[in-house]
Amino acid sequence: MKKIISLLSLLLVSGVLQAAYILVPMDQSQRNHLKAYGIAYFVLQHDVDVSWLLNYRGGSFLFITSPKFEQECTIRGVSFQLLADVQAASIIQELADPEVNKDVVKLEKAPKVAVYTPKSKLPWDDAVTLAMTYSEIPYDIVYDEEVLAGKLPLYDWLHLHHEDFTGQYGRFYAAYRNAAWYQEDQRSQEARAGRLGFQKVSQMKLAVALKIREFVAGGGYLFAMCSATDSYDIALSAQGVDICESMFDGDPADPKMNTKLDYTQTFAFKDYKLSTNPYEYEFSEIDNQPPLRKIVRTEDFFTLFDFSAKWDPVPTMLCQNHEQVIKGFMGQTTAFRKKFVKSEVLVMGETKLEDEARYIHGEFGKGTWTFYGGHDPEDYQHQVGDPPTDLSLHPNSPGYRLILNNILFPAARKKKQKT
């Protein structure tokens, strides 16, 4: 008996010593989901492929082991398991079974990431930059100068920070026109527009929006949250139309603006009307916001859709999570009223009580875009001037995981969608 136990112990030790792969589980057993994305990015930075195991334990990651990778997981507090070749092969075989809704997507290259955000300080934070900083994913900051200088093709993925592409300074006029930060932002935006050869900020922002559209058409990946979603589409639809009142650009808006919008120019939205009241903290009908929105905080959740990992790998990647029901959260743009969402747009998350879309995706040219409603997944009603969310208090946030899915998405080997 002692010989048998010794033999089994030897085989066990041998198996550990022969471990060839690291599995980073992304189910409830993971201590830090957010930093796990940073580990996957770190591995890609070392020219090692990562297998994204779709619908396997919450969308786990699998890659060849090395002391460096094991040490990094330990340092960052990320749960991992060592697997022998035969164990890894067994998982891959399980996912290949045509009868199961699972699959493997190969991540091959660390995407080069940019965030479109002003370099000056404004009194709010941004969930995406918080997520990347916490998970240790590097990014560059770009703004109007860099975009108009044609630098976007240097990047794979672009995030639009809380932004107003219509030239109305976030529609903050009623509440903050006397605030020093608002006045400074308006001065700096107007000065920048002048330096770049534009008479109005709205004209500069439209030129930027068109450059971003070129980036997506050429194969770029665009991600936006909060007001950067609807204000971007509004700017595209209002080309050649003055939608800014005099406090924003010095002359009256076109009173017939709502009859001149061109919805064929937009990515996501159609048939909406713009707010013509400059004192209203709202751009248009797209956003589902109180008092129209009746849902209370205790019932504010949205549900992710289930997609076929083998037939619809893109939305499956973007929805990988350890929870399917996600806590709702508000923003200047909280959610998208479904009747204004184009029919070809893919809704990936919805709030059924309000018939609203929270998480949507589409293609344009060779690239893709994803819009995510709300400002901060772990701050229900983030106010101007509130402190940034401390993500060390939310390492397993399913709402933040959706952001990080999008950041890794460009690393995936191009896989033809089945029809």
Protein backbone atom coordinates (compact mmCIF):
# COMPACT_ATOMS: atom_id res chain seq x y z
CA MET A 1 0.00 0.00 0.00
CA LYS A 2 2.82 2.40 0.89
CA LYS A 3 4.42 1.70 -2.49
CA ILE A 4 1.15 2.49 -4.29
CA ILE A 5 0.74 5.76 -2.37
CA SER A 6 4.34 6.69 -3.13
CA LEU A 7 3.82 5.92 -6.80
CA LEU A 8 0.66 8.03 -6.94
CA SER A 9 2.45 10.89 -5.20
CA LEU A 10 5.30 10.65 -7.68
CA LEU A 11 2.87 10.73 -10.58
CA LEU A 12 1.10 13.74 -9.08
CA VAL A 13 4.36 15.63 -8.61
CA SER A 14 5.45 14.64 -12.08
CA GLY A 15 2.17 15.97 -13.51
CA VAL A 16 2.68 19.32 -11.82
CA LEU A 17 6.27 19.52 -12.99
CA GLN A 18 5.13 18.79 -16.53
CA ALA A 19 2.45 21.47 -16.45
CA ALA A 20 2.41 23.11 -19.86
CA TYR A 21 -0.46 25.60 -19.64
CA ILE A 22 -1.95 28.22 -17.37
CA LEU A 23 -5.73 28.42 -17.11
CA VAL A 24 -7.10 31.73 -15.82
CA PRO A 25 -10.69 30.92 -14.84
CA MET A 26 -13.27 33.68 -15.25
CA ASP A 27 -16.15 32.16 -13.32
CA GLN A 28 -17.02 32.82 -9.68
CA SER A 29 -13.74 31.21 -8.57
CA GLN A 30 -11.69 34.12 -9.96
CA ARG A 31 -10.41 36.49 -7.23
CA ASN A 32 -9.86 39.42 -9.58
CA HIS A 33 -11.68 39.36 -12.90
CA LEU A 34 -10.55 42.83 -13.95
CA LYS A 35 -6.84 42.23 -13.48
CA ALA A 36 -7.22 38.90 -15.30
CA TYR A 37 -7.75 40.87 -18.51
CA GLY A 38 -4.48 42.64 -17.82
CA ILE A 39 -2.78 39.25 -17.51
CA ALA A 40 -4.12 38.21 -20.92
CA TYR A 41 -2.82 41.49 -22.38
CA PHE A 42 0.55 40.99 -20.63
CA VAL A 43 0.92 37.55 -22.20
CA LEU A 44 0.10 38.94 -25.65
CA GLN A 45 2.74 41.64 -25.14
CA HIS A 46 5.28 38.81 -24.83
CA ASP A 47 4.29 37.44 -28.26
CA VAL A 48 2.47 34.45 -26.79
CA ASP A 49 -1.00 33.56 -28.07
CA VAL A 50 -3.91 33.39 -25.65
CA SER A 51 -6.88 31.08 -26.17
CA TRP A 52 -10.13 32.74 -25.12
CA LEU A 53 -12.41 29.89 -24.05
CA LEU A 54 -15.85 31.20 -24.93
CA ASN A 55 -18.61 30.15 -22.52
CA TYR A 56 -16.15 27.99 -20.58
CA ARG A 57 -16.12 28.99 -16.93
CA GLY A 58 -17.14 32.57 -17.63
CA GLY A 59 -14.86 33.08 -20.64
CA SER A 60 -11.54 31.79 -19.29
CA PHE A 61 -8.06 32.31 -20.74
CA LEU A 62 -5.56 29.57 -21.58
CA PHE A 63 -1.91 30.02 -22.54
CA ILE A 64 1.49 28.34 -22.38
CA THR A 65 3.01 28.51 -18.93
CA SER A 66 6.23 30.20 -17.93
CA PRO A 67 7.65 31.28 -14.55
CA LYS A 68 7.18 34.90 -15.65
CA PHE A 69 3.46 34.42 -16.30
CA GLU A 70 2.90 32.48 -13.09
CA GLN A 71 4.72 35.15 -11.11
CA GLU A 72 2.71 37.94 -12.73
CA CYS A 73 -0.58 36.21 -11.88
CA THR A 74 0.55 35.89 -8.29
CA ILE A 75 1.71 39.50 -8.03
CA ARG A 76 -1.56 40.83 -9.46
CA GLY A 77 -3.73 38.57 -7.32
CA VAL A 78 -5.22 36.70 -10.28
CA SER A 79 -6.43 33.14 -9.72
CA PHE A 80 -4.89 30.53 -12.04
CA GLN A 81 -4.44 26.80 -12.46
CA LEU A 82 -1.55 24.82 -13.93
CA LEU A 83 -2.55 22.23 -16.50
CA ALA A 84 -0.69 19.41 -18.22
CA ASP A 85 -0.88 19.04 -22.00
CA VAL A 86 -3.49 16.31 -21.74
CA GLN A 87 -5.72 18.45 -19.51
CA ALA A 88 -5.53 21.44 -21.84
CA ALA A 89 -6.20 19.19 -24.84
CA SER A 90 -9.25 17.77 -23.09
CA ILE A 91 -10.71 21.25 -22.57
CA ILE A 92 -10.11 22.21 -26.20
CA GLN A 93 -11.75 18.96 -27.31
CA GLU A 94 -14.76 19.68 -25.10
CA LEU A 95 -15.18 23.13 -26.61
CA ALA A 96 -14.89 21.75 -30.16
CA ASP A 97 -17.94 19.51 -29.70
CA PRO A 98 -20.56 20.83 -32.16
CA GLU A 99 -23.29 20.01 -29.65
CA VAL A 100 -22.09 22.48 -27.00
CA ASN A 101 -22.33 26.26 -27.08
CA LYS A 102 -18.62 26.80 -26.52
CA ASP A 103 -15.63 27.59 -28.68
CA VAL A 104 -12.03 28.76 -28.71
CA VAL A 105 -10.90 32.08 -30.15
CA LYS A 106 -7.20 32.71 -30.56
CA LEU A 107 -5.89 36.07 -29.36
CA GLU A 108 -2.68 36.80 -31.23
CA LYS A 109 -1.55 40.40 -30.77
CA ALA A 110 -1.83 42.98 -28.00
CA PRO A 111 -4.04 45.71 -29.51
CA LYS A 112 -2.69 49.25 -29.56
CA VAL A 113 -5.22 51.33 -27.63
CA ALA A 114 -6.13 55.03 -27.75
CA VAL A 115 -8.56 57.09 -25.70
CA TYR A 116 -10.08 60.23 -27.22
CA THR A 117 -10.14 62.58 -24.26
CA PRO A 118 -9.15 66.18 -23.50
CA LYS A 119 -5.74 66.63 -21.93
CA SER A 120 -7.13 69.24 -19.53
CA LYS A 121 -8.79 68.16 -16.29
CA LEU A 122 -12.58 68.06 -16.18
CA PRO A 123 -14.66 67.29 -13.06
CA TRP A 124 -15.58 63.72 -13.95
CA ASP A 125 -13.74 60.48 -14.54
CA ASP A 126 -14.11 57.85 -17.23
CA ALA A 127 -14.92 54.20 -16.59
CA VAL A 128 -12.78 52.91 -19.47
CA THR A 129 -9.59 54.67 -18.43
CA LEU A 130 -10.24 53.55 -14.84
CA ALA A 131 -10.60 49.96 -16.07
CA MET A 132 -7.42 50.05 -18.15
CA THR A 133 -5.39 51.70 -15.40
CA TYR A 134 -6.56 49.18 -12.80
CA SER A 135 -6.06 46.15 -15.06
CA GLU A 136 -2.67 47.53 -16.22
CA ILE A 137 -3.49 47.76 -19.91
CA PRO A 138 -1.50 50.63 -21.51
CA TYR A 139 -3.16 53.29 -23.63
CA ASP A 140 -2.36 56.57 -25.37
CA ILE A 141 -4.39 59.77 -25.11
CA VAL A 142 -5.43 61.45 -28.35
CA TYR A 143 -7.66 64.45 -28.94
CA ASP A 144 -8.74 66.69 -31.78
CA GLU A 145 -5.22 67.59 -32.93
CA GLU A 146 -4.07 63.98 -33.23
CA VAL A 147 -7.30 62.77 -34.85
CA LEU A 148 -7.30 65.52 -37.47
CA ALA A 149 -3.61 64.95 -38.11
CA GLY A 150 -4.49 61.42 -39.25
CA LYS A 151 -2.97 59.46 -36.36
CA LEU A 152 -5.87 57.08 -35.68
CA PRO A 153 -4.63 54.39 -38.12
CA LEU A 154 -1.68 53.89 -35.73
CA TYR A 155 -4.15 52.26 -33.31
CA ASP A 156 -6.34 49.16 -33.30
CA TRP A 157 -8.93 50.31 -30.77
CA LEU A 158 -10.35 53.72 -29.90
CA HIS A 159 -12.48 54.69 -26.93
CA LEU A 160 -14.54 57.88 -26.90
CA HIS A 161 -14.38 59.42 -23.45
CA HIS A 162 -17.45 61.16 -21.99
CA GLU A 163 -17.72 63.64 -24.84
CA ASP A 164 -20.06 65.92 -26.78
CA PHE A 165 -19.53 65.78 -30.54
CA THR A 166 -22.27 68.35 -31.24
CA GLY A 167 -20.32 71.38 -29.99
CA GLN A 168 -22.75 72.15 -27.15
CA TYR A 169 -20.30 71.56 -24.29
CA GLY A 170 -22.19 68.62 -22.90
CA ARG A 171 -25.46 70.55 -22.62
CA PHE A 172 -24.21 71.69 -19.19
CA TYR A 173 -25.13 75.34 -19.81
CA ALA A 174 -28.15 75.57 -17.49
CA ALA A 175 -26.44 74.11 -14.43
CA TYR A 176 -22.76 74.99 -14.87
CA ARG A 177 -22.38 78.05 -17.14
CA ASN A 178 -20.92 80.04 -14.23
CA ALA A 179 -18.53 77.27 -13.12
CA ALA A 180 -14.85 77.95 -13.72
CA TRP A 181 -14.28 74.52 -15.29
CA TYR A 182 -17.14 75.05 -17.79
CA GLN A 183 -15.91 78.47 -18.84
CA GLU A 184 -12.34 77.22 -19.21
CA ASP A 185 -13.49 74.23 -21.29
CA GLN A 186 -15.42 76.52 -23.62
CA ARG A 187 -12.42 78.86 -23.99
CA SER A 188 -10.01 76.02 -24.70
CA GLN A 189 -12.35 74.33 -27.19
CA GLU A 190 -12.90 77.58 -29.09
CA ALA A 191 -9.18 78.33 -29.13
CA ARG A 192 -8.41 74.83 -30.39
CA ALA A 193 -11.00 75.14 -33.15
CA GLY A 194 -9.43 78.42 -34.25
CA ARG A 195 -5.91 76.95 -34.29
CA LEU A 196 -7.15 74.05 -36.40
CA GLY A 197 -8.85 76.33 -38.91
CA PHE A 198 -12.51 76.09 -37.86
CA GLN A 199 -14.90 78.95 -37.14
CA LYS A 200 -16.96 76.91 -34.67
CA VAL A 201 -16.35 74.10 -32.20
CA SER A 202 -19.25 72.17 -33.75
CA GLN A 203 -17.45 72.22 -37.11
CA MET A 204 -14.27 70.90 -35.52
CA LYS A 205 -16.13 68.12 -33.70
CA LEU A 206 -17.87 67.08 -36.91
CA ALA A 207 -14.52 66.86 -38.69
CA VAL A 208 -13.25 64.69 -35.82
CA ALA A 209 -16.36 62.49 -36.00
CA LEU A 210 -15.81 61.97 -39.73
CA LYS A 211 -12.16 61.01 -39.14
CA ILE A 212 -13.31 58.50 -36.54
CA ARG A 213 -15.78 57.08 -39.04
CA GLU A 214 -12.91 56.69 -41.53
CA PHE A 215 -10.95 54.85 -38.83
CA VAL A 216 -13.80 52.37 -38.34
CA ALA A 217 -14.41 51.95 -42.07
CA GLY A 218 -10.73 51.07 -42.49
CA GLY A 219 -10.92 48.26 -39.94
CA GLY A 220 -10.72 50.02 -36.58
CA TYR A 221 -12.60 49.07 -33.42
CA LEU A 222 -14.61 51.84 -31.77
CA PHE A 223 -16.03 51.78 -28.25
CA ALA A 224 -18.07 54.56 -26.64
CA MET A 225 -20.02 55.11 -23.44
CA CYS A 226 -22.43 57.69 -22.04
CA SER A 227 -22.86 60.89 -24.08
CA ALA A 228 -20.16 59.92 -26.58
CA THR A 229 -22.64 57.43 -28.07
CA ASP A 230 -25.67 59.50 -29.07
CA SER A 231 -23.82 62.83 -29.49
CA TYR A 232 -21.52 61.11 -32.00
CA ASP A 233 -24.40 59.88 -34.16
CA ILE A 234 -26.20 63.21 -33.82
CA ALA A 235 -23.14 65.05 -35.15
CA LEU A 236 -23.00 62.72 -38.15
CA SER A 237 -26.70 63.16 -38.90
CA ALA A 238 -26.55 66.97 -38.59
CA GLN A 239 -23.82 67.66 -41.15
CA GLY A 240 -24.38 71.11 -42.63
CA VAL A 241 -27.15 71.92 -40.12
CA ASP A 242 -26.69 74.43 -37.28
CA ILE A 243 -28.08 72.68 -34.19
CA CYS A 244 -26.29 74.94 -31.64
CA GLU A 245 -28.00 77.92 -30.04
CA SER A 246 -26.18 81.24 -29.64
CA MET A 247 -24.73 80.55 -26.17
CA PHE A 248 -22.78 77.70 -27.77
CA ASP A 249 -21.62 79.18 -31.07
CA GLY A 250 -22.64 82.84 -31.22
CA ASP A 251 -25.60 82.56 -33.58
CA PRO A 252 -29.11 80.99 -33.50
CA ALA A 253 -29.75 77.36 -34.31
CA ASP A 254 -31.64 76.40 -37.45
CA PRO A 255 -35.33 76.29 -36.38
CA LYS A 256 -35.94 73.55 -38.96
CA MET A 257 -33.06 71.39 -37.73
CA ASN A 258 -35.24 68.37 -37.03
CA THR A 259 -36.44 68.21 -40.62
CA LYS A 260 -32.89 68.22 -42.00
CA LEU A 261 -31.25 65.32 -40.12
CA ASP A 262 -29.79 62.56 -42.31
CA TYR A 263 -30.04 59.24 -40.45
CA THR A 264 -28.25 57.37 -43.23
CA GLN A 265 -25.02 58.88 -41.91
CA THR A 266 -25.28 57.35 -38.43
CA PHE A 267 -23.98 54.10 -36.97
CA ALA A 268 -26.75 53.17 -34.55
CA PHE A 269 -29.74 55.49 -34.37
CA LYS A 270 -32.60 56.64 -36.58
CA ASP A 271 -35.76 58.79 -36.63
CA TYR A 272 -34.96 60.78 -33.46
CA LYS A 273 -35.67 64.45 -32.88
CA LEU A 274 -33.20 66.78 -31.18
CA SER A 275 -33.92 68.81 -28.08
CA THR A 276 -34.38 72.42 -29.16
CA ASN A 277 -34.25 73.76 -25.59
CA PRO A 278 -30.62 74.71 -24.79
CA TYR A 279 -31.43 74.67 -21.07
CA GLU A 280 -32.35 70.98 -21.20
CA TYR A 281 -29.69 68.49 -20.10
CA GLU A 282 -30.47 66.17 -22.99
CA PHE A 283 -29.44 65.96 -26.63
CA SER A 284 -32.37 64.12 -28.17
CA GLU A 285 -35.07 61.47 -27.82
CA ILE A 286 -32.52 58.65 -28.06
CA ASP A 287 -31.68 58.55 -24.36
CA ASN A 288 -34.12 56.91 -21.97
CA GLN A 289 -33.88 59.16 -18.94
CA PRO A 290 -36.17 60.28 -16.08
CA PRO A 291 -38.89 61.46 -16.02
CA LEU A 292 -39.58 59.29 -19.08
CA ARG A 293 -37.67 56.42 -17.46
CA LYS A 294 -39.71 55.08 -14.52
CA ILE A 295 -37.57 52.22 -13.24
CA VAL A 296 -36.30 52.49 -9.65
CA ARG A 297 -32.75 51.70 -8.61
CA THR A 298 -33.63 48.46 -6.81
CA GLU A 299 -35.13 47.09 -10.03
CA ASP A 300 -32.59 48.57 -12.44
CA PHE A 301 -30.85 45.63 -14.11
CA PHE A 302 -30.15 44.67 -17.69
CA THR A 303 -29.74 41.20 -19.15
CA LEU A 304 -27.06 40.03 -21.56
CA PHE A 305 -28.19 37.97 -24.51
CA ASP A 306 -26.93 34.45 -25.15
CA PHE A 307 -25.22 34.00 -28.51
CA SER A 308 -23.88 30.96 -30.32
CA ALA A 309 -20.15 30.73 -29.68
CA LYS A 310 -19.59 28.86 -32.95
CA TRP A 311 -21.96 30.84 -35.16
CA ASP A 312 -21.76 34.31 -33.57
CA PRO A 313 -18.28 34.55 -32.04
CA VAL A 314 -18.11 38.36 -32.01
CA PRO A 315 -21.11 39.09 -29.74
CA THR A 316 -20.23 36.01 -27.72
CA MET A 317 -16.79 37.49 -26.99
CA LEU A 318 -18.24 40.87 -26.13
CA CYS A 319 -20.72 39.32 -23.66
CA GLN A 320 -18.37 36.96 -21.79
CA ASN A 321 -19.14 37.25 -18.10
CA HIS A 322 -19.66 35.37 -14.86
CA GLU A 323 -23.11 36.96 -14.53
CA GLN A 324 -25.83 37.45 -17.15
CA VAL A 325 -27.87 40.00 -15.20
CA ILE A 326 -25.95 43.24 -14.71
CA LYS A 327 -26.69 46.11 -12.33
CA GLY A 328 -27.95 49.17 -14.17
CA PHE A 329 -26.23 52.54 -13.85
CA MET A 330 -27.03 56.02 -15.08
CA GLY A 331 -25.21 58.63 -17.11
CA GLN A 332 -25.93 61.67 -19.21
CA THR A 333 -26.89 59.00 -21.72
CA THR A 334 -28.19 56.08 -19.67
CA ALA A 335 -29.84 53.79 -22.22
CA PHE A 336 -31.12 53.75 -25.78
CA ARG A 337 -34.85 53.74 -26.52
CA LYS A 338 -35.28 50.77 -28.84
CA LYS A 339 -37.56 52.50 -31.31
CA PHE A 340 -34.65 54.76 -32.26
CA VAL A 341 -32.15 51.90 -32.73
CA LYS A 342 -31.63 50.82 -36.35
CA SER A 343 -32.93 47.36 -37.24
CA GLU A 344 -29.51 46.10 -38.35
CA VAL A 345 -27.92 46.97 -35.00
CA LEU A 346 -27.24 44.03 -32.69
CA VAL A 347 -28.68 44.48 -29.18
CA MET A 348 -26.49 42.56 -26.72
CA GLY A 349 -28.02 43.77 -23.45
CA GLU A 350 -31.48 45.13 -22.64
CA THR A 351 -33.70 46.28 -19.80
CA LYS A 352 -37.02 44.61 -20.52
CA LEU A 353 -39.01 46.70 -18.02
CA GLU A 354 -38.21 49.81 -20.04
CA ASP A 355 -37.85 48.32 -23.54
CA GLU A 356 -34.42 49.90 -23.74
CA ALA A 357 -31.09 48.73 -25.13
CA ARG A 358 -28.03 49.12 -22.88
CA TYR A 359 -25.29 47.46 -24.91
CA ILE A 360 -25.29 47.47 -28.73
CA HIS A 361 -22.92 46.57 -31.54
CA GLY A 362 -22.57 46.94 -35.27
CA GLU A 363 -20.27 46.88 -38.27
CA PHE A 364 -19.22 49.73 -40.53
CA GLY A 365 -16.96 49.10 -43.49
CA LYS A 366 -14.17 46.77 -42.35
CA GLY A 367 -14.49 47.73 -38.69
CA THR A 368 -16.90 47.54 -35.80
CA TRP A 369 -18.36 49.77 -33.10
CA THR A 370 -19.88 49.11 -29.68
CA PHE A 371 -21.99 51.54 -27.63
CA TYR A 372 -22.54 51.01 -23.90
CA GLY A 373 -25.08 53.20 -22.07
CA GLY A 374 -24.31 54.80 -18.71
CA HIS A 375 -21.28 56.43 -17.12
CA ASP A 376 -19.81 54.11 -14.45
CA PRO A 377 -20.90 50.50 -13.82
CA GLU A 378 -20.11 50.74 -10.10
CA ASP A 379 -21.47 54.24 -9.40
CA TYR A 380 -25.21 54.27 -9.98
CA GLN A 381 -25.65 58.02 -10.43
CA HIS A 382 -22.23 59.59 -10.87
CA GLN A 383 -22.37 63.36 -10.37
CA VAL A 384 -20.07 66.09 -11.68
CA GLY A 385 -17.26 66.45 -9.14
CA ASP A 386 -17.70 63.01 -7.55
CA PRO A 387 -14.43 61.14 -6.81
CA PRO A 388 -13.30 58.36 -9.17
CA THR A 389 -14.49 54.84 -8.44
CA ASP A 390 -11.90 52.74 -6.59
CA LEU A 391 -11.83 49.54 -8.62
CA SER A 392 -9.88 47.71 -5.93
CA LEU A 393 -13.26 47.63 -4.17
CA HIS A 394 -14.91 46.07 -7.25
CA PRO A 395 -12.40 43.54 -8.68
CA ASN A 396 -15.18 41.23 -9.88
CA SER A 397 -17.47 43.85 -11.44
CA PRO A 398 -19.50 42.25 -14.26
CA GLY A 399 -20.37 45.72 -15.60
CA TYR A 400 -16.69 46.62 -15.97
CA ARG A 401 -15.98 43.23 -17.55
CA LEU A 402 -18.01 44.27 -20.60
CA ILE A 403 -15.62 47.18 -21.13
CA LEU A 404 -12.58 44.92 -20.93
CA ASN A 405 -14.11 42.36 -23.31
CA ASN A 406 -14.10 45.11 -25.92
CA ILE A 407 -10.45 45.97 -25.29
CA LEU A 408 -9.32 42.38 -25.93
CA PHE A 409 -11.68 41.90 -28.87
CA PRO A 410 -9.28 43.38 -31.51
CA ALA A 411 -6.66 40.79 -30.53
CA ALA A 412 -8.83 37.98 -31.87
CA ARG A 413 -7.85 36.25 -35.08
CA LYS A 414 -10.19 37.37 -37.82
CA LYS A 415 -12.91 34.75 -38.02
CA LYS A 416 -15.49 34.88 -40.76
CA GLN A 417 -19.03 35.18 -39.40
CA LYS A 418 -21.26 32.31 -40.42
CA THR A 419 -24.54 33.13 -42.11
